[in-house]
Amino acid sequence: MDRDPRCIDEASRQMDESPPIAIPLLSVVIPSYRSERSLPAVLEALCRECAGLDCEILVVDSTGDGRAARLARRHPLVTVIEPPGRLSCGAARNAGASQARGDYLLFLDADCVPAEGWGRGLREALVRGPAAASGAIDNGTPDSRAGTLQYWTEFSRFCPASRPGHHSFIPSFQLLIRRSVFQSVPPYVEEFLMAEDLVFFTRLRERGHAPGFNPAMVVRHLNRESFPEVFRHLYRIGAGSGRARALYRGIRGSFFRWLVPALPLLLPYSWLGLAARLGRAPGLPPGQKLGLLLLAAPGLACWHAGFASGLLFPRASWFPPAPARETAGGPETAAEGSAR
């Protein structure tokens, strides 16, 4: 039986008058894999600092054990995306960005806990409306010698005492970026377990969107706390850095692929640079600085060994293994055409 046209008109009118779906100002995207040790603290601090801010929080968790989803029940702002298989960090960021609704995206690592006052710095950044911005990272494991070693060897250029403004490179441990800018550049490389943010930062800079560094936005990094884990990690990030420079043209330091035999000469240079940054660091007693410099020698040696390995064997540890061909702008991969 035909419906009364008046009923159809009334239904259409009610649909037209229904309020539009609210679009948040900010979407926070957290890539997560086996983050059960750090994710609860990250979400607790993030929800506290974002209180009153028009935002959504998306956790892309590829662990597959359901812990992140159970954790999210405590936080109304949090939505968990569970892909069917493990994702690299770049692929997880791409997946979260594809489902985010905010005018701005904020990529935050699952081991970076927003410090008190971080939300104030974030609000100030949003008022300024930058194309892209990042913040500082502090040591979240100050009582661990191994964790402190990792922090200073990996993040000393981005500590809260670092100068504001534009840097030659800023990693994606926290990256605020306008959605339209994110969509205007190629997505994160999904085949890398490490250094995908180095490639992405280079692409941003090439298009005139290099992120500014805002020391007022401070997160605390929860580092590894055993020396074997720290040394293995430093080797892996060195390998990722070398691999990115071997495969992608235009990255700062790409010329090193032609100077592999000379790489051991860079180790003293790296050590002296770290010594200079430690010397300027406030709050660290001289004895602790000296101890860190002694421990930094084997740590930096691991990084440089990985760097040489990545330069020489750039496709040995892609994730997942995928063929690629070099083009004028870099290798052709499935990541180039996907949404980050």
C-alpha atoms as a PDB file:
ATOM      1  CA  MET A   1       0.000   0.000   0.000  1.00  0.00           C
ATOM      2  CA  ASP A   2       1.303   3.471  -0.936  1.00  0.00           C
ATOM      3  CA  ARG A   3       2.343   5.772   1.881  1.00  0.00           C
ATOM      4  CA  ASP A   4       0.550   9.059   2.438  1.00  0.00           C
ATOM      5  CA  PRO A   5       2.597  11.773   0.633  1.00  0.00           C
ATOM      6  CA  ARG A   6       2.068  14.027   3.643  1.00  0.00           C
ATOM      7  CA  CYS A   7       3.934  11.523   5.806  1.00  0.00           C
ATOM      8  CA  ILE A   8       6.784  11.413   3.297  1.00  0.00           C
ATOM      9  CA  ASP A   9       6.963  15.226   3.191  1.00  0.00           C
ATOM     10  CA  GLU A  10       6.941  15.429   7.000  1.00  0.00           C
ATOM     11  CA  ALA A  11       9.713  12.835   7.273  1.00  0.00           C
ATOM     12  CA  SER A  12      11.800  14.682   4.699  1.00  0.00           C
ATOM     13  CA  ARG A  13      11.271  17.959   6.541  1.00  0.00           C
ATOM     14  CA  GLN A  14      12.394  16.432   9.834  1.00  0.00           C
ATOM     15  CA  MET A  15      15.511  14.996   8.185  1.00  0.00           C
ATOM     16  CA  ASP A  16      16.336  18.395   6.677  1.00  0.00           C
ATOM     17  CA  GLU A  17      15.939  20.082  10.062  1.00  0.00           C
ATOM     18  CA  SER A  18      18.038  17.546  11.976  1.00  0.00           C
ATOM     19  CA  PRO A  19      21.267  19.039  13.357  1.00  0.00           C
ATOM     20  CA  PRO A  20      24.419  18.321  11.323  1.00  0.00           C
ATOM     21  CA  ILE A  21      26.961  15.859  12.688  1.00  0.00           C
ATOM     22  CA  ALA A  22      29.477  17.820  14.732  1.00  0.00           C
ATOM     23  CA  ILE A  23      33.005  17.857  13.332  1.00  0.00           C
ATOM     24  CA  PRO A  24      35.649  18.127  16.072  1.00  0.00           C
ATOM     25  CA  LEU A  25      38.422  20.674  15.887  1.00  0.00           C
ATOM     26  CA  LEU A  26      41.091  18.081  16.669  1.00  0.00           C
ATOM     27  CA  SER A  27      41.580  14.357  16.086  1.00  0.00           C
ATOM     28  CA  VAL A  28      44.349  12.704  18.113  1.00  0.00           C
ATOM     29  CA  VAL A  29      45.720   9.574  16.404  1.00  0.00           C
ATOM     30  CA  ILE A  30      47.768   7.126  18.512  1.00  0.00           C
ATOM     31  CA  PRO A  31      49.477   4.188  16.740  1.00  0.00           C
ATOM     32  CA  SER A  32      49.734   1.285  19.161  1.00  0.00           C
ATOM     33  CA  TYR A  33      51.280  -2.174  19.197  1.00  0.00           C
ATOM     34  CA  ARG A  34      51.913  -4.034  22.469  1.00  0.00           C
ATOM     35  CA  SER A  35      51.579  -0.730  24.332  1.00  0.00           C
ATOM     36  CA  GLU A  36      49.934  -2.108  27.469  1.00  0.00           C
ATOM     37  CA  ARG A  37      52.737  -0.743  29.672  1.00  0.00           C
ATOM     38  CA  SER A  38      52.448   2.854  28.497  1.00  0.00           C
ATOM     39  CA  LEU A  39      49.022   3.372  26.897  1.00  0.00           C
ATOM     40  CA  PRO A  40      47.006   3.686  30.156  1.00  0.00           C
ATOM     41  CA  ALA A  41      49.170   6.584  31.350  1.00  0.00           C
ATOM     42  CA  VAL A  42      49.065   8.218  27.907  1.00  0.00           C
ATOM     43  CA  LEU A  43      45.262   8.121  27.702  1.00  0.00           C
ATOM     44  CA  GLU A  44      44.803   9.254  31.307  1.00  0.00           C
ATOM     45  CA  ALA A  45      47.031  12.304  30.804  1.00  0.00           C
ATOM     46  CA  LEU A  46      45.674  13.030  27.332  1.00  0.00           C
ATOM     47  CA  CYS A  47      42.037  13.055  28.475  1.00  0.00           C
ATOM     48  CA  ARG A  48      42.991  15.292  31.403  1.00  0.00           C
ATOM     49  CA  GLU A  49      44.854  17.799  29.234  1.00  0.00           C
ATOM     50  CA  CYS A  50      42.167  17.792  26.520  1.00  0.00           C
ATOM     51  CA  ALA A  51      39.284  18.391  28.934  1.00  0.00           C
ATOM     52  CA  GLY A  52      36.964  20.994  27.438  1.00  0.00           C
ATOM     53  CA  LEU A  53      38.636  20.822  24.022  1.00  0.00           C
ATOM     54  CA  ASP A  54      36.541  19.833  21.013  1.00  0.00           C
ATOM     55  CA  CYS A  55      38.407  16.660  20.067  1.00  0.00           C
ATOM     56  CA  GLU A  56      38.303  12.927  19.475  1.00  0.00           C
ATOM     57  CA  ILE A  57      40.984  10.351  20.299  1.00  0.00           C
ATOM     58  CA  LEU A  58      41.600   7.437  17.940  1.00  0.00           C
ATOM     59  CA  VAL A  59      43.835   4.552  19.041  1.00  0.00           C
ATOM     60  CA  VAL A  60      44.896   2.334  16.137  1.00  0.00           C
ATOM     61  CA  ASP A  61      45.900  -0.836  17.977  1.00  0.00           C
ATOM     62  CA  SER A  62      47.164  -3.826  15.988  1.00  0.00           C
ATOM     63  CA  THR A  63      48.124  -5.975  18.986  1.00  0.00           C
ATOM     64  CA  GLY A  64      45.063  -8.150  18.520  1.00  0.00           C
ATOM     65  CA  ASP A  65      44.415  -8.955  22.192  1.00  0.00           C
ATOM     66  CA  GLY A  66      41.553  -6.502  22.862  1.00  0.00           C
ATOM     67  CA  ARG A  67      43.296  -4.758  25.770  1.00  0.00           C
ATOM     68  CA  ALA A  68      43.173  -1.321  24.169  1.00  0.00           C
ATOM     69  CA  ALA A  69      39.428  -1.642  23.545  1.00  0.00           C
ATOM     70  CA  ARG A  70      38.828  -2.594  27.183  1.00  0.00           C
ATOM     71  CA  LEU A  71      40.971   0.321  28.315  1.00  0.00           C
ATOM     72  CA  ALA A  72      39.024   2.751  26.114  1.00  0.00           C
ATOM     73  CA  ARG A  73      35.795   2.015  27.995  1.00  0.00           C
ATOM     74  CA  ARG A  74      37.077   4.246  30.812  1.00  0.00           C
ATOM     75  CA  HIS A  75      37.464   7.221  28.458  1.00  0.00           C
ATOM     76  CA  PRO A  76      34.440   8.471  26.476  1.00  0.00           C
ATOM     77  CA  LEU A  77      36.628  10.460  24.085  1.00  0.00           C
ATOM     78  CA  VAL A  78      38.555   7.372  22.970  1.00  0.00           C
ATOM     79  CA  THR A  79      37.697   5.162  20.002  1.00  0.00           C
ATOM     80  CA  VAL A  80      39.817   2.087  19.260  1.00  0.00           C
ATOM     81  CA  ILE A  81      40.438   0.934  15.690  1.00  0.00           C
ATOM     82  CA  GLU A  82      41.565  -2.697  15.532  1.00  0.00           C
ATOM     83  CA  PRO A  83      42.948  -3.710  12.111  1.00  0.00           C
ATOM     84  CA  PRO A  84      43.005  -7.423  11.217  1.00  0.00           C
ATOM     85  CA  GLY A  85      46.813  -7.698  11.279  1.00  0.00           C
ATOM     86  CA  ARG A  86      49.866  -5.921  12.613  1.00  0.00           C
ATOM     87  CA  LEU A  87      50.568  -2.481  11.164  1.00  0.00           C
ATOM     88  CA  SER A  88      53.770  -0.502  11.046  1.00  0.00           C
ATOM     89  CA  CYS A  89      53.683   2.854  12.812  1.00  0.00           C
ATOM     90  CA  GLY A  90      53.290   4.668   9.497  1.00  0.00           C
ATOM     91  CA  ALA A  91      50.454   2.405   8.383  1.00  0.00           C
ATOM     92  CA  ALA A  92      48.682   2.877  11.738  1.00  0.00           C
ATOM     93  CA  ARG A  93      48.929   6.664  11.422  1.00  0.00           C
ATOM     94  CA  ASN A  94      47.561   6.472   7.886  1.00  0.00           C
ATOM     95  CA  ALA A  95      44.673   4.272   9.038  1.00  0.00           C
ATOM     96  CA  GLY A  96      43.797   6.618  11.905  1.00  0.00           C
ATOM     97  CA  ALA A  97      43.983   9.704   9.695  1.00  0.00           C
ATOM     98  CA  SER A  98      41.629   8.100   7.167  1.00  0.00           C
ATOM     99  CA  GLN A  99      38.931   7.808   9.859  1.00  0.00           C
ATOM    100  CA  ALA A 100      39.642  11.054  11.714  1.00  0.00           C
ATOM    101  CA  ARG A 101      37.116  13.903  11.402  1.00  0.00           C
ATOM    102  CA  GLY A 102      38.960  16.854  12.926  1.00  0.00           C
ATOM    103  CA  ASP A 103      40.186  19.960  11.138  1.00  0.00           C
ATOM    104  CA  TYR A 104      43.547  19.242  12.766  1.00  0.00           C
ATOM    105  CA  LEU A 105      45.316  15.924  13.272  1.00  0.00           C
ATOM    106  CA  LEU A 106      47.650  15.272  16.188  1.00  0.00           C
ATOM    107  CA  PHE A 107      49.815  12.181  15.893  1.00  0.00           C
ATOM    108  CA  LEU A 108      50.983  11.051  19.339  1.00  0.00           C
ATOM    109  CA  ASP A 109      53.103   7.986  20.059  1.00  0.00           C
ATOM    110  CA  ALA A 110      51.786   5.419  22.542  1.00  0.00           C
ATOM    111  CA  ASP A 111      54.830   5.861  24.820  1.00  0.00           C
ATOM    112  CA  CYS A 112      54.619   9.672  25.058  1.00  0.00           C
ATOM    113  CA  VAL A 113      52.684  10.921  28.103  1.00  0.00           C
ATOM    114  CA  PRO A 114      51.476  14.552  27.926  1.00  0.00           C
ATOM    115  CA  ALA A 115      53.003  16.505  30.799  1.00  0.00           C
ATOM    116  CA  GLU A 116      51.044  18.902  32.983  1.00  0.00           C
ATOM    117  CA  GLY A 117      50.403  22.063  30.975  1.00  0.00           C
ATOM    118  CA  TRP A 118      50.671  20.284  27.619  1.00  0.00           C
ATOM    119  CA  GLY A 119      47.032  21.061  26.866  1.00  0.00           C
ATOM    120  CA  ARG A 120      47.638  24.782  27.362  1.00  0.00           C
ATOM    121  CA  GLY A 121      50.466  24.701  24.821  1.00  0.00           C
ATOM    122  CA  LEU A 122      48.253  22.749  22.437  1.00  0.00           C
ATOM    123  CA  ARG A 123      45.437  25.313  22.697  1.00  0.00           C
ATOM    124  CA  GLU A 124      47.894  28.151  22.039  1.00  0.00           C
ATOM    125  CA  ALA A 125      49.176  26.300  18.958  1.00  0.00           C
ATOM    126  CA  LEU A 126      45.636  25.777  17.664  1.00  0.00           C
ATOM    127  CA  VAL A 127      44.858  29.496  18.089  1.00  0.00           C
ATOM    128  CA  ARG A 128      47.916  30.368  15.988  1.00  0.00           C
ATOM    129  CA  GLY A 129      46.683  27.926  13.342  1.00  0.00           C
ATOM    130  CA  PRO A 130      49.989  26.574  11.992  1.00  0.00           C
ATOM    131  CA  ALA A 131      50.223  24.267   9.005  1.00  0.00           C
ATOM    132  CA  ALA A 132      52.214  21.878  11.202  1.00  0.00           C
ATOM    133  CA  ALA A 133      53.867  22.034  14.620  1.00  0.00           C
ATOM    134  CA  SER A 134      55.614  19.755  17.085  1.00  0.00           C
ATOM    135  CA  GLY A 135      56.651  19.977  20.716  1.00  0.00           C
ATOM    136  CA  ALA A 136      59.318  18.955  23.183  1.00  0.00           C
ATOM    137  CA  ILE A 137      60.009  15.560  24.701  1.00  0.00           C
ATOM    138  CA  ASP A 138      61.223  14.994  28.258  1.00  0.00           C
ATOM    139  CA  ASN A 139      62.697  11.964  30.012  1.00  0.00           C
ATOM    140  CA  GLY A 140      59.897   9.826  31.432  1.00  0.00           C
ATOM    141  CA  THR A 141      62.271   7.328  33.094  1.00  0.00           C
ATOM    142  CA  PRO A 142      64.720   9.557  35.005  1.00  0.00           C
ATOM    143  CA  ASP A 143      65.450   6.851  37.614  1.00  0.00           C
ATOM    144  CA  SER A 144      66.632   4.355  34.995  1.00  0.00           C
ATOM    145  CA  ARG A 145      70.201   4.668  33.730  1.00  0.00           C
ATOM    146  CA  ALA A 146      69.374   2.667  30.618  1.00  0.00           C
ATOM    147  CA  GLY A 147      66.221   4.698  29.975  1.00  0.00           C
ATOM    148  CA  THR A 148      68.077   7.971  30.494  1.00  0.00           C
ATOM    149  CA  LEU A 149      70.741   6.815  28.049  1.00  0.00           C
ATOM    150  CA  GLN A 150      68.081   6.110  25.422  1.00  0.00           C
ATOM    151  CA  TYR A 151      66.461   9.476  26.012  1.00  0.00           C
ATOM    152  CA  TRP A 152      69.635  11.519  25.585  1.00  0.00           C
ATOM    153  CA  THR A 153      70.986   9.591  22.600  1.00  0.00           C
ATOM    154  CA  GLU A 154      67.653   9.593  20.760  1.00  0.00           C
ATOM    155  CA  PHE A 155      65.871  12.800  21.785  1.00  0.00           C
ATOM    156  CA  SER A 156      68.476  15.284  23.064  1.00  0.00           C
ATOM    157  CA  ARG A 157      67.801  17.655  20.135  1.00  0.00           C
ATOM    158  CA  PHE A 158      64.138  17.944  21.147  1.00  0.00           C
ATOM    159  CA  CYS A 159      64.359  18.406  24.919  1.00  0.00           C
ATOM    160  CA  PRO A 160      62.351  21.219  26.585  1.00  0.00           C
ATOM    161  CA  ALA A 161      65.459  23.434  26.674  1.00  0.00           C
ATOM    162  CA  SER A 162      65.834  23.305  22.881  1.00  0.00           C
ATOM    163  CA  ARG A 163      65.346  26.478  20.887  1.00  0.00           C
ATOM    164  CA  PRO A 164      61.891  27.109  19.385  1.00  0.00           C
ATOM    165  CA  GLY A 165      61.369  27.600  15.679  1.00  0.00           C
ATOM    166  CA  HIS A 166      62.123  25.397  12.693  1.00  0.00           C
ATOM    167  CA  HIS A 167      64.575  22.480  12.955  1.00  0.00           C
ATOM    168  CA  SER A 168      66.222  20.428  10.224  1.00  0.00           C
ATOM    169  CA  PHE A 169      64.131  17.448  11.353  1.00  0.00           C
ATOM    170  CA  ILE A 170      61.433  16.815  13.960  1.00  0.00           C
ATOM    171  CA  PRO A 171      60.165  13.256  14.542  1.00  0.00           C
ATOM    172  CA  SER A 172      56.473  12.388  14.765  1.00  0.00           C
ATOM    173  CA  PHE A 173      56.317  11.505  18.471  1.00  0.00           C
ATOM    174  CA  GLN A 174      53.862  14.409  18.602  1.00  0.00           C
ATOM    175  CA  LEU A 175      52.940  16.168  15.389  1.00  0.00           C
ATOM    176  CA  LEU A 176      50.094  18.650  15.011  1.00  0.00           C
ATOM    177  CA  ILE A 177      49.135  19.120  11.370  1.00  0.00           C
ATOM    178  CA  ARG A 178      46.237  20.705   9.557  1.00  0.00           C
ATOM    179  CA  ARG A 179      44.136  18.061   7.818  1.00  0.00           C
ATOM    180  CA  SER A 180      44.300  19.840   4.465  1.00  0.00           C
ATOM    181  CA  VAL A 181      48.098  19.937   4.668  1.00  0.00           C
ATOM    182  CA  PHE A 182      48.283  16.247   5.560  1.00  0.00           C
ATOM    183  CA  GLN A 183      46.102  15.381   2.573  1.00  0.00           C
ATOM    184  CA  SER A 184      48.282  17.485   0.246  1.00  0.00           C
ATOM    185  CA  VAL A 185      51.431  15.382   0.730  1.00  0.00           C
ATOM    186  CA  PRO A 186      52.142  11.662   0.176  1.00  0.00           C
ATOM    187  CA  PRO A 187      51.233   9.581   3.250  1.00  0.00           C
ATOM    188  CA  TYR A 188      53.611   7.967   5.718  1.00  0.00           C
ATOM    189  CA  VAL A 189      55.696   5.189   4.197  1.00  0.00           C
ATOM    190  CA  GLU A 190      54.092   1.991   5.470  1.00  0.00           C
ATOM    191  CA  GLU A 191      56.937  -0.456   4.763  1.00  0.00           C
ATOM    192  CA  PHE A 192      59.304   0.995   7.382  1.00  0.00           C
ATOM    193  CA  LEU A 193      59.335  -0.015  11.021  1.00  0.00           C
ATOM    194  CA  MET A 194      61.644   2.944  11.724  1.00  0.00           C
ATOM    195  CA  ALA A 195      62.283   6.371  10.163  1.00  0.00           C
ATOM    196  CA  GLU A 196      58.976   6.674   8.312  1.00  0.00           C
ATOM    197  CA  ASP A 197      58.673  10.115   9.911  1.00  0.00           C
ATOM    198  CA  LEU A 198      62.017  11.148   8.375  1.00  0.00           C
ATOM    199  CA  VAL A 199      60.564  10.580   4.904  1.00  0.00           C
ATOM    200  CA  PHE A 200      57.298  12.319   5.805  1.00  0.00           C
ATOM    201  CA  PHE A 201      59.073  15.350   7.314  1.00  0.00           C
ATOM    202  CA  THR A 202      61.168  15.702   4.147  1.00  0.00           C
ATOM    203  CA  ARG A 203      58.030  15.721   2.016  1.00  0.00           C
ATOM    204  CA  LEU A 204      56.436  18.348   4.252  1.00  0.00           C
ATOM    205  CA  ARG A 205      59.528  20.534   4.049  1.00  0.00           C
ATOM    206  CA  GLU A 206      59.728  20.198   0.255  1.00  0.00           C
ATOM    207  CA  ARG A 207      56.190  21.600   0.045  1.00  0.00           C
ATOM    208  CA  GLY A 208      56.929  24.495   2.384  1.00  0.00           C
ATOM    209  CA  HIS A 209      55.224  23.069   5.488  1.00  0.00           C
ATOM    210  CA  ALA A 210      58.164  22.280   7.786  1.00  0.00           C
ATOM    211  CA  PRO A 211      56.729  21.991  11.339  1.00  0.00           C
ATOM    212  CA  GLY A 212      57.711  24.576  13.897  1.00  0.00           C
ATOM    213  CA  PHE A 213      59.059  23.453  17.281  1.00  0.00           C
ATOM    214  CA  ASN A 214      57.054  24.587  20.310  1.00  0.00           C
ATOM    215  CA  PRO A 215      58.809  23.767  23.636  1.00  0.00           C
ATOM    216  CA  ALA A 216      55.587  24.552  25.552  1.00  0.00           C
ATOM    217  CA  MET A 217      54.045  21.259  24.394  1.00  0.00           C
ATOM    218  CA  VAL A 218      55.977  18.721  26.493  1.00  0.00           C
ATOM    219  CA  VAL A 219      55.463  14.966  26.537  1.00  0.00           C
ATOM    220  CA  ARG A 220      57.363  12.499  28.733  1.00  0.00           C
ATOM    221  CA  HIS A 221      58.837   9.548  26.854  1.00  0.00           C
ATOM    222  CA  LEU A 222      58.655   6.167  28.597  1.00  0.00           C
ATOM    223  CA  ASN A 223      61.991   4.672  27.551  1.00  0.00           C
ATOM    224  CA  ARG A 224      63.238   1.101  27.590  1.00  0.00           C
ATOM    225  CA  GLU A 225      64.830   0.264  30.922  1.00  0.00           C
ATOM    226  CA  SER A 226      67.446  -2.395  30.199  1.00  0.00           C
ATOM    227  CA  PHE A 227      70.738  -1.804  28.421  1.00  0.00           C
ATOM    228  CA  PRO A 228      70.380  -4.718  25.945  1.00  0.00           C
ATOM    229  CA  GLU A 229      66.959  -3.393  24.873  1.00  0.00           C
ATOM    230  CA  VAL A 230      68.300   0.150  24.538  1.00  0.00           C
ATOM    231  CA  PHE A 231      71.313  -0.922  22.464  1.00  0.00           C
ATOM    232  CA  ARG A 232      69.128  -3.044  20.154  1.00  0.00           C
ATOM    233  CA  HIS A 233      66.706  -0.146  19.780  1.00  0.00           C
ATOM    234  CA  LEU A 234      69.484   2.308  18.917  1.00  0.00           C
ATOM    235  CA  TYR A 235      70.767  -0.110  16.272  1.00  0.00           C
ATOM    236  CA  ARG A 236      67.268  -0.381  14.763  1.00  0.00           C
ATOM    237  CA  ILE A 237      66.653   3.363  14.586  1.00  0.00           C
ATOM    238  CA  GLY A 238      70.107   3.827  13.063  1.00  0.00           C
ATOM    239  CA  ALA A 239      69.256   1.175  10.462  1.00  0.00           C
ATOM    240  CA  GLY A 240      65.960   2.913   9.705  1.00  0.00           C
ATOM    241  CA  SER A 241      67.712   6.251   9.279  1.00  0.00           C
ATOM    242  CA  GLY A 242      70.277   4.745   6.910  1.00  0.00           C
ATOM    243  CA  ARG A 243      67.613   2.855   4.957  1.00  0.00           C
ATOM    244  CA  ALA A 244      65.531   5.995   4.441  1.00  0.00           C
ATOM    245  CA  ARG A 245      68.556   7.901   3.128  1.00  0.00           C
ATOM    246  CA  ALA A 246      69.485   5.054   0.800  1.00  0.00           C
ATOM    247  CA  LEU A 247      66.010   4.798  -0.728  1.00  0.00           C
ATOM    248  CA  TYR A 248      64.649   8.345  -0.780  1.00  0.00           C
ATOM    249  CA  ARG A 249      66.332  11.252  -2.483  1.00  0.00           C
ATOM    250  CA  GLY A 250      66.172  14.672  -0.934  1.00  0.00           C
ATOM    251  CA  ILE A 251      66.518  13.563   2.699  1.00  0.00           C
ATOM    252  CA  ARG A 252      69.146  15.535   4.552  1.00  0.00           C
ATOM    253  CA  GLY A 253      72.344  13.443   4.670  1.00  0.00           C
ATOM    254  CA  SER A 254      71.478  11.220   1.705  1.00  0.00           C
ATOM    255  CA  PHE A 255      75.032  11.689   0.411  1.00  0.00           C
ATOM    256  CA  PHE A 256      76.247   9.354   3.173  1.00  0.00           C
ATOM    257  CA  ARG A 257      75.312   6.396   0.988  1.00  0.00           C
ATOM    258  CA  TRP A 258      78.428   7.201  -1.060  1.00  0.00           C
ATOM    259  CA  LEU A 259      80.634   7.553   2.045  1.00  0.00           C
ATOM    260  CA  VAL A 260      79.972   4.333   3.979  1.00  0.00           C
ATOM    261  CA  PRO A 261      83.694   3.592   4.585  1.00  0.00           C
ATOM    262  CA  ALA A 262      84.056   6.984   6.263  1.00  0.00           C
ATOM    263  CA  LEU A 263      81.133   6.519   8.667  1.00  0.00           C
ATOM    264  CA  PRO A 264      83.319   5.486  11.660  1.00  0.00           C
ATOM    265  CA  LEU A 265      84.755   9.006  11.561  1.00  0.00           C
ATOM    266  CA  LEU A 266      81.308  10.380  12.409  1.00  0.00           C
ATOM    267  CA  LEU A 267      81.152   8.626  15.774  1.00  0.00           C
ATOM    268  CA  PRO A 268      83.422  11.137  17.585  1.00  0.00           C
ATOM    269  CA  TYR A 269      81.451  13.979  15.976  1.00  0.00           C
ATOM    270  CA  SER A 270      78.152  12.544  17.275  1.00  0.00           C
ATOM    271  CA  TRP A 271      79.651  12.024  20.731  1.00  0.00           C
ATOM    272  CA  LEU A 272      80.928  15.618  20.890  1.00  0.00           C
ATOM    273  CA  GLY A 273      77.527  16.937  19.796  1.00  0.00           C
ATOM    274  CA  LEU A 274      75.836  14.968  22.564  1.00  0.00           C
ATOM    275  CA  ALA A 275      78.433  16.225  25.060  1.00  0.00           C
ATOM    276  CA  ALA A 276      77.623  19.808  24.080  1.00  0.00           C
ATOM    277  CA  ARG A 277      73.886  19.265  24.532  1.00  0.00           C
ATOM    278  CA  LEU A 278      74.401  17.534  27.874  1.00  0.00           C
ATOM    279  CA  GLY A 279      76.626  20.405  28.984  1.00  0.00           C
ATOM    280  CA  ARG A 280      73.774  22.859  28.363  1.00  0.00           C
ATOM    281  CA  ALA A 281      71.143  20.649  30.018  1.00  0.00           C
ATOM    282  CA  PRO A 282      69.766  22.192  33.232  1.00  0.00           C
ATOM    283  CA  GLY A 283      69.181  20.098  36.323  1.00  0.00           C
ATOM    284  CA  LEU A 284      71.630  17.272  35.625  1.00  0.00           C
ATOM    285  CA  PRO A 285      74.514  16.973  38.129  1.00  0.00           C
ATOM    286  CA  PRO A 286      78.021  16.837  36.601  1.00  0.00           C
ATOM    287  CA  GLY A 287      78.562  13.252  37.762  1.00  0.00           C
ATOM    288  CA  GLN A 288      75.449  12.061  35.938  1.00  0.00           C
ATOM    289  CA  LYS A 289      76.486  13.912  32.794  1.00  0.00           C
ATOM    290  CA  LEU A 290      79.879  12.231  32.850  1.00  0.00           C
ATOM    291  CA  GLY A 291      78.331   8.801  33.395  1.00  0.00           C
ATOM    292  CA  LEU A 292      75.945   9.357  30.479  1.00  0.00           C
ATOM    293  CA  LEU A 293      78.802  10.354  28.194  1.00  0.00           C
ATOM    294  CA  LEU A 294      80.660   7.151  29.055  1.00  0.00           C
ATOM    295  CA  LEU A 295      77.567   5.050  28.348  1.00  0.00           C
ATOM    296  CA  ALA A 296      76.842   7.014  25.195  1.00  0.00           C
ATOM    297  CA  ALA A 297      79.939   5.680  23.443  1.00  0.00           C
ATOM    298  CA  PRO A 298      78.600   2.101  22.999  1.00  0.00           C
ATOM    299  CA  GLY A 299      75.082   3.443  22.443  1.00  0.00           C
ATOM    300  CA  LEU A 300      76.164   5.719  19.607  1.00  0.00           C
ATOM    301  CA  ALA A 301      78.315   2.917  18.213  1.00  0.00           C
ATOM    302  CA  CYS A 302      75.170   0.767  17.958  1.00  0.00           C
ATOM    303  CA  TRP A 303      73.342   3.574  16.160  1.00  0.00           C
ATOM    304  CA  HIS A 304      76.178   4.085  13.674  1.00  0.00           C
ATOM    305  CA  ALA A 305      76.480   0.334  13.029  1.00  0.00           C
ATOM    306  CA  GLY A 306      72.763   0.238  12.250  1.00  0.00           C
ATOM    307  CA  PHE A 307      73.091   3.343  10.076  1.00  0.00           C
ATOM    308  CA  ALA A 308      75.794   1.694   7.968  1.00  0.00           C
ATOM    309  CA  SER A 309      73.714  -1.491   7.720  1.00  0.00           C
ATOM    310  CA  GLY A 310      70.680   0.468   6.538  1.00  0.00           C
ATOM    311  CA  LEU A 311      72.722   2.268   3.900  1.00  0.00           C
ATOM    312  CA  LEU A 312      74.304  -0.933   2.591  1.00  0.00           C
ATOM    313  CA  PHE A 313      71.253  -3.229   2.805  1.00  0.00           C
ATOM    314  CA  PRO A 314      68.274  -0.857   2.589  1.00  0.00           C
ATOM    315  CA  ARG A 315      65.592  -3.466   1.873  1.00  0.00           C
ATOM    316  CA  ALA A 316      66.708  -6.134   4.317  1.00  0.00           C
ATOM    317  CA  SER A 317      64.128  -5.369   7.004  1.00  0.00           C
ATOM    318  CA  TRP A 318      61.168  -3.638   5.404  1.00  0.00           C
ATOM    319  CA  PHE A 319      57.796  -4.295   7.000  1.00  0.00           C
ATOM    320  CA  PRO A 320      56.116  -6.044   5.343  1.00  0.00           C
ATOM    321  CA  PRO A 321      58.675  -7.070   2.675  1.00  0.00           C
ATOM    322  CA  ALA A 322      57.661  -5.448  -0.585  1.00  0.00           C
ATOM    323  CA  PRO A 323      59.382  -4.892  -3.917  1.00  0.00           C
ATOM    324  CA  ALA A 324      60.124  -1.341  -4.956  1.00  0.00           C
ATOM    325  CA  ARG A 325      61.590   0.477  -7.895  1.00  0.00           C
ATOM    326  CA  GLU A 326      63.456   3.750  -7.697  1.00  0.00           C
ATOM    327  CA  THR A 327      61.846   6.713  -9.416  1.00  0.00           C
ATOM    328  CA  ALA A 328      62.730  10.369  -9.610  1.00  0.00           C
ATOM    329  CA  GLY A 329      60.899  11.040  -6.361  1.00  0.00           C
ATOM    330  CA  GLY A 330      61.779   7.833  -4.494  1.00  0.00           C
ATOM    331  CA  PRO A 331      60.767   4.189  -4.683  1.00  0.00           C
ATOM    332  CA  GLU A 332      57.337   3.221  -5.903  1.00  0.00           C
ATOM    333  CA  THR A 333      55.453   1.482  -3.104  1.00  0.00           C
ATOM    334  CA  ALA A 334      51.877   0.759  -2.198  1.00  0.00           C
ATOM    335  CA  ALA A 335      52.166   3.436   0.494  1.00  0.00           C
ATOM    336  CA  GLU A 336      52.475   6.197  -2.083  1.00  0.00           C
ATOM    337  CA  GLY A 337      48.853   5.863  -3.096  1.00  0.00           C
ATOM    338  CA  SER A 338      47.244   5.167   0.254  1.00  0.00           C
ATOM    339  CA  ALA A 339      45.803   7.569   2.792  1.00  0.00           C
ATOM    340  CA  ARG A 340      47.993   7.981   5.754  1.00  0.00           C
END
